[in-house]
Amino acid sequence: MAERIWDRFLTEHDKTIYQLAGYGKRGGFGKRPALFIIDVQYNFCGDTPGESHADGVKKYRTHCGEAGWKTVPHTERLMHLARAKNIPIFYTQSERRPDMVDSGVQVGKNHRGTEKTSMEGTHATQTVAPLAPRPQDILIGKRKPSAFFGTMFMSHLNFLDVDTLILTGCTSSGCLRATAVDAYSFNFKTIIPEETAFDRFEASHAMSLFDLNCKYADVIPVDEVAAYLEGLTPRKTETD
């Protein structure tokens, strides 16, 4: 079996129980997917590729180092395939109003609730240019980790008759994970292309993907997701 990103973090006991209990079974794809790009913004990726993580966090506390920009070509590949098949594409708009009151208890938990690099309408909160949304895409404004919480996301998915969510972005231990667990809870086939997910902490990234793959989602290579999209018949639109 090919080595997975989380293998080096698991004990021998973990590996034994994983096999005995039968975790990690494939859930598979449905027939009507949507692609979701979560928080791939400048304040998570940094302004330019190649910037050191230590330097990046001086400007953006949410900075995830080079891991963020490394995912962009993989996500861009899926984005182009989705557009070619008329598959819905969702984005998060993760930002705060100027007085930061919509951060809620986050203000007490960490400094992100008070910093201005998460302010709405700024460069910091824009999706990185290679993945920029188009007018036909759907932006989900969120203030909490899960894109389902307090948003219109579920309503859009119902209207578009989506049965499969392909989740990309960050962080694997935060918003991506929270959204994946809720997607599973709402009975969506939940897919995470491994090369499109990232986090600021290596261990958090690996173990979050491990746990998601165990119970809630299929964490699989981007090549498999691309092959699935390529094999779909283009989705009809209301004008067809």
Protein backbone atom coordinates (compact mmCIF):
# COMPACT_ATOMS: atom_id res chain seq x y z
CA MET A 1 0.00 0.00 0.00
CA ALA A 2 1.34 3.43 -0.91
CA GLU A 3 2.57 5.52 2.00
CA ARG A 4 0.16 8.22 3.12
CA ILE A 5 1.05 11.64 4.51
CA TRP A 6 -0.08 10.64 7.99
CA ASP A 7 1.75 7.31 8.26
CA ARG A 8 4.81 8.64 10.06
CA PHE A 9 2.64 10.17 12.79
CA LEU A 10 0.87 6.90 13.62
CA THR A 11 2.01 4.44 16.25
CA GLU A 12 2.05 0.72 15.54
CA HIS A 13 -0.98 0.42 17.82
CA ASP A 14 -2.81 3.04 15.72
CA LYS A 15 -2.03 1.16 12.52
CA THR A 16 -3.23 -2.14 13.98
CA ILE A 17 -6.54 -0.73 15.21
CA TYR A 18 -7.08 1.11 11.93
CA GLN A 19 -6.89 -2.19 10.07
CA LEU A 20 -8.86 -4.26 12.59
CA ALA A 21 -11.71 -1.73 12.87
CA GLY A 22 -12.00 -1.23 9.13
CA TYR A 23 -11.62 2.54 9.06
CA GLY A 24 -10.92 4.43 5.85
CA LYS A 25 -13.40 2.67 3.57
CA ARG A 26 -14.07 4.57 0.34
CA GLY A 27 -17.39 6.40 0.19
CA GLY A 28 -17.06 7.06 -3.51
CA PHE A 29 -18.34 9.77 -5.83
CA GLY A 30 -21.90 10.74 -6.59
CA LYS A 31 -23.22 12.03 -9.90
CA ARG A 32 -23.72 15.77 -9.30
CA PRO A 33 -20.63 17.35 -7.77
CA ALA A 34 -19.69 20.86 -6.76
CA LEU A 35 -16.17 22.20 -6.22
CA PHE A 36 -15.54 24.27 -3.11
CA ILE A 37 -12.45 26.48 -2.66
CA ILE A 38 -12.14 27.31 1.05
CA ASP A 39 -10.11 30.29 2.30
CA VAL A 40 -7.40 30.22 -0.38
CA GLN A 41 -6.80 33.90 0.31
CA TYR A 42 -3.69 36.03 0.50
CA ASN A 43 -3.85 36.15 4.30
CA PHE A 44 -3.52 32.35 4.34
CA CYS A 45 -1.14 31.87 1.40
CA GLY A 46 0.94 35.05 1.56
CA ASP A 47 1.29 37.65 -1.16
CA THR A 48 3.80 35.73 -3.27
CA PRO A 49 5.02 32.12 -3.61
CA GLY A 50 8.32 31.32 -1.97
CA GLU A 51 7.93 33.63 1.00
CA SER A 52 9.27 32.07 4.20
CA HIS A 53 6.70 31.09 6.78
CA ALA A 54 8.52 32.97 9.54
CA ASP A 55 8.44 36.18 7.49
CA GLY A 56 4.90 35.62 6.32
CA VAL A 57 3.37 35.42 9.80
CA LYS A 58 4.78 38.84 10.60
CA LYS A 59 2.30 40.28 8.10
CA TYR A 60 -0.49 37.70 8.18
CA ARG A 61 -0.92 35.74 11.40
CA THR A 62 -2.97 33.17 9.46
CA HIS A 63 -0.12 32.56 6.98
CA CYS A 64 0.41 28.86 6.19
CA GLY A 65 3.83 29.08 4.57
CA GLU A 66 4.77 27.57 1.22
CA ALA A 67 2.16 24.84 1.68
CA GLY A 68 -0.58 27.22 0.52
CA TRP A 69 0.88 28.19 -2.84
CA LYS A 70 1.91 24.57 -3.53
CA THR A 71 -1.75 23.59 -3.62
CA VAL A 72 -2.79 26.30 -6.08
CA PRO A 73 -1.84 24.54 -9.37
CA HIS A 74 -3.67 21.39 -8.27
CA THR A 75 -6.80 23.32 -7.33
CA GLU A 76 -6.55 25.35 -10.54
CA ARG A 77 -6.53 22.10 -12.52
CA LEU A 78 -9.79 21.00 -10.90
CA MET A 79 -11.27 24.47 -11.28
CA HIS A 80 -10.72 24.43 -15.06
CA LEU A 81 -12.22 20.95 -15.34
CA ALA A 82 -15.25 22.04 -13.31
CA ARG A 83 -15.79 25.07 -15.54
CA ALA A 84 -15.55 22.91 -18.66
CA LYS A 85 -18.29 20.64 -17.29
CA ASN A 86 -20.52 23.48 -15.97
CA ILE A 87 -20.05 22.17 -12.44
CA PRO A 88 -20.90 24.70 -9.69
CA ILE A 89 -17.92 26.31 -7.98
CA PHE A 90 -18.21 27.77 -4.50
CA TYR A 91 -15.78 30.01 -2.64
CA THR A 92 -15.64 31.19 0.94
CA GLN A 93 -15.46 34.88 1.64
CA SER A 94 -13.76 34.74 5.03
CA GLU A 95 -13.49 38.29 6.29
CA ARG A 96 -14.57 40.58 9.12
CA ARG A 97 -16.25 43.97 9.42
CA PRO A 98 -14.00 46.85 10.52
CA ASP A 99 -14.99 46.77 14.20
CA MET A 100 -14.41 42.98 14.28
CA VAL A 101 -17.53 42.38 16.36
CA ASP A 102 -18.48 39.53 14.02
CA SER A 103 -15.45 37.60 15.26
CA GLY A 104 -17.39 36.77 18.42
CA VAL A 105 -15.53 34.63 20.93
CA GLN A 106 -12.59 34.31 18.54
CA VAL A 107 -11.39 37.61 19.98
CA GLY A 108 -10.78 35.90 23.30
CA LYS A 109 -9.23 32.76 21.83
CA ASN A 110 -6.52 34.27 19.63
CA HIS A 111 -5.22 37.45 18.07
CA ARG A 112 -6.95 36.84 14.74
CA GLY A 113 -10.15 38.36 16.07
CA THR A 114 -8.53 41.76 16.42
CA GLU A 115 -6.09 41.96 13.54
CA LYS A 116 -6.91 44.07 10.50
CA THR A 117 -5.58 41.59 7.93
CA SER A 118 -8.96 39.85 8.00
CA MET A 119 -10.95 43.02 7.28
CA GLU A 120 -13.58 42.85 4.56
CA GLY A 121 -12.79 44.39 1.19
CA THR A 122 -9.01 44.26 1.59
CA HIS A 123 -6.35 42.57 -0.52
CA ALA A 124 -5.64 40.18 2.34
CA THR A 125 -9.08 38.56 2.15
CA GLN A 126 -9.17 38.12 -1.62
CA THR A 127 -8.82 34.69 -3.23
CA VAL A 128 -5.36 34.38 -4.82
CA ALA A 129 -5.34 35.52 -8.44
CA PRO A 130 -4.94 32.13 -10.21
CA LEU A 131 -8.13 30.91 -8.52
CA ALA A 132 -10.14 34.14 -8.62
CA PRO A 133 -13.91 33.58 -8.77
CA ARG A 134 -15.95 34.47 -11.83
CA PRO A 135 -19.39 36.13 -11.82
CA GLN A 136 -21.20 32.80 -12.18
CA ASP A 137 -19.51 31.35 -9.08
CA ILE A 138 -21.10 31.46 -5.63
CA LEU A 139 -19.41 33.21 -2.69
CA ILE A 140 -20.25 32.00 0.80
CA GLY A 141 -19.57 34.59 3.48
CA LYS A 142 -18.67 32.82 6.72
CA ARG A 143 -17.56 33.85 10.19
CA LYS A 144 -17.11 30.42 11.75
CA PRO A 145 -15.10 27.36 10.67
CA SER A 146 -17.86 25.44 8.88
CA ALA A 147 -19.19 26.98 5.68
CA PHE A 148 -22.59 25.53 6.61
CA PHE A 149 -22.89 27.46 9.87
CA GLY A 150 -25.15 30.51 9.59
CA THR A 151 -24.89 30.73 5.78
CA MET A 152 -26.94 30.06 2.63
CA PHE A 153 -24.63 27.24 1.58
CA MET A 154 -27.08 24.39 2.14
CA SER A 155 -29.85 26.26 0.33
CA HIS A 156 -27.64 26.66 -2.75
CA LEU A 157 -26.66 22.99 -2.68
CA ASN A 158 -30.30 21.94 -2.49
CA PHE A 159 -31.28 24.21 -5.37
CA LEU A 160 -28.43 22.89 -7.55
CA ASP A 161 -29.20 19.27 -6.60
CA VAL A 162 -25.60 18.60 -5.55
CA ASP A 163 -24.77 15.18 -4.10
CA THR A 164 -20.96 15.34 -3.96
CA LEU A 165 -18.74 18.04 -2.45
CA ILE A 166 -15.11 18.31 -3.55
CA LEU A 167 -13.43 20.33 -0.81
CA THR A 168 -10.14 22.16 -1.33
CA GLY A 169 -8.26 24.78 0.65
CA CYS A 170 -7.48 25.42 4.28
CA THR A 171 -6.95 24.79 6.99
CA SER A 172 -7.07 21.02 7.12
CA SER A 173 -7.54 21.15 10.89
CA GLY A 174 -9.94 24.11 10.83
CA CYS A 175 -12.39 25.33 8.21
CA LEU A 176 -11.79 22.48 5.76
CA ARG A 177 -12.29 19.90 8.49
CA ALA A 178 -15.37 21.59 9.97
CA THR A 179 -16.99 21.90 6.55
CA ALA A 180 -16.17 18.26 5.70
CA VAL A 181 -17.73 16.95 8.91
CA ASP A 182 -20.89 18.99 8.29
CA ALA A 183 -21.01 17.87 4.65
CA TYR A 184 -20.87 14.24 5.82
CA SER A 185 -23.53 14.97 8.43
CA PHE A 186 -25.82 16.31 5.69
CA ASN A 187 -25.21 13.10 3.68
CA PHE A 188 -23.07 14.52 0.90
CA LYS A 189 -20.39 12.37 -0.68
CA THR A 190 -17.34 14.25 0.59
CA ILE A 191 -14.06 14.27 -1.34
CA ILE A 192 -10.78 15.96 -0.39
CA PRO A 193 -8.09 15.92 -3.10
CA GLU A 194 -5.02 15.55 -0.91
CA GLU A 195 -2.74 17.89 -2.88
CA THR A 196 -5.28 20.73 -2.64
CA ALA A 197 -5.50 20.87 1.18
CA PHE A 198 -3.10 22.72 3.45
CA ASP A 199 -2.45 23.87 7.00
CA ARG A 200 0.13 25.91 8.86
CA PHE A 201 1.21 22.98 11.05
CA GLU A 202 2.51 19.80 9.43
CA ALA A 203 1.26 17.50 12.18
CA SER A 204 -2.20 19.08 12.28
CA HIS A 205 -2.47 18.77 8.51
CA ALA A 206 -1.48 15.10 8.41
CA MET A 207 -3.57 13.94 11.35
CA SER A 208 -6.63 15.94 10.32
CA LEU A 209 -6.55 14.31 6.89
CA PHE A 210 -6.06 10.93 8.56
CA ASP A 211 -9.10 11.38 10.78
CA LEU A 212 -11.24 12.76 7.97
CA ASN A 213 -10.28 9.86 5.74
CA CYS A 214 -11.04 7.40 8.53
CA LYS A 215 -14.60 8.57 9.13
CA TYR A 216 -15.97 11.44 7.07
CA ALA A 217 -14.40 11.89 3.64
CA ASP A 218 -12.35 10.26 0.91
CA VAL A 219 -8.90 11.85 1.00
CA ILE A 220 -7.56 10.81 -2.38
CA PRO A 221 -5.02 11.93 -5.00
CA VAL A 222 -5.96 14.85 -7.20
CA ASP A 223 -5.43 12.64 -10.28
CA GLU A 224 -8.39 10.48 -9.22
CA VAL A 225 -10.62 13.50 -8.76
CA ALA A 226 -9.56 14.92 -12.12
CA ALA A 227 -10.34 11.60 -13.83
CA TYR A 228 -13.80 11.60 -12.22
CA LEU A 229 -14.52 15.12 -13.44
CA GLU A 230 -13.24 14.38 -16.92
CA GLY A 231 -15.62 11.42 -17.17
CA LEU A 232 -18.74 13.43 -16.36
CA THR A 233 -21.24 14.59 -18.95
CA PRO A 234 -21.37 18.42 -18.90
CA ARG A 235 -24.04 19.64 -16.52
CA LYS A 236 -27.01 21.23 -18.21
CA THR A 237 -27.82 24.82 -17.33
CA GLU A 238 -31.21 26.54 -17.31
CA THR A 239 -30.42 28.06 -20.72
CA ASP A 240 -29.65 24.67 -22.37
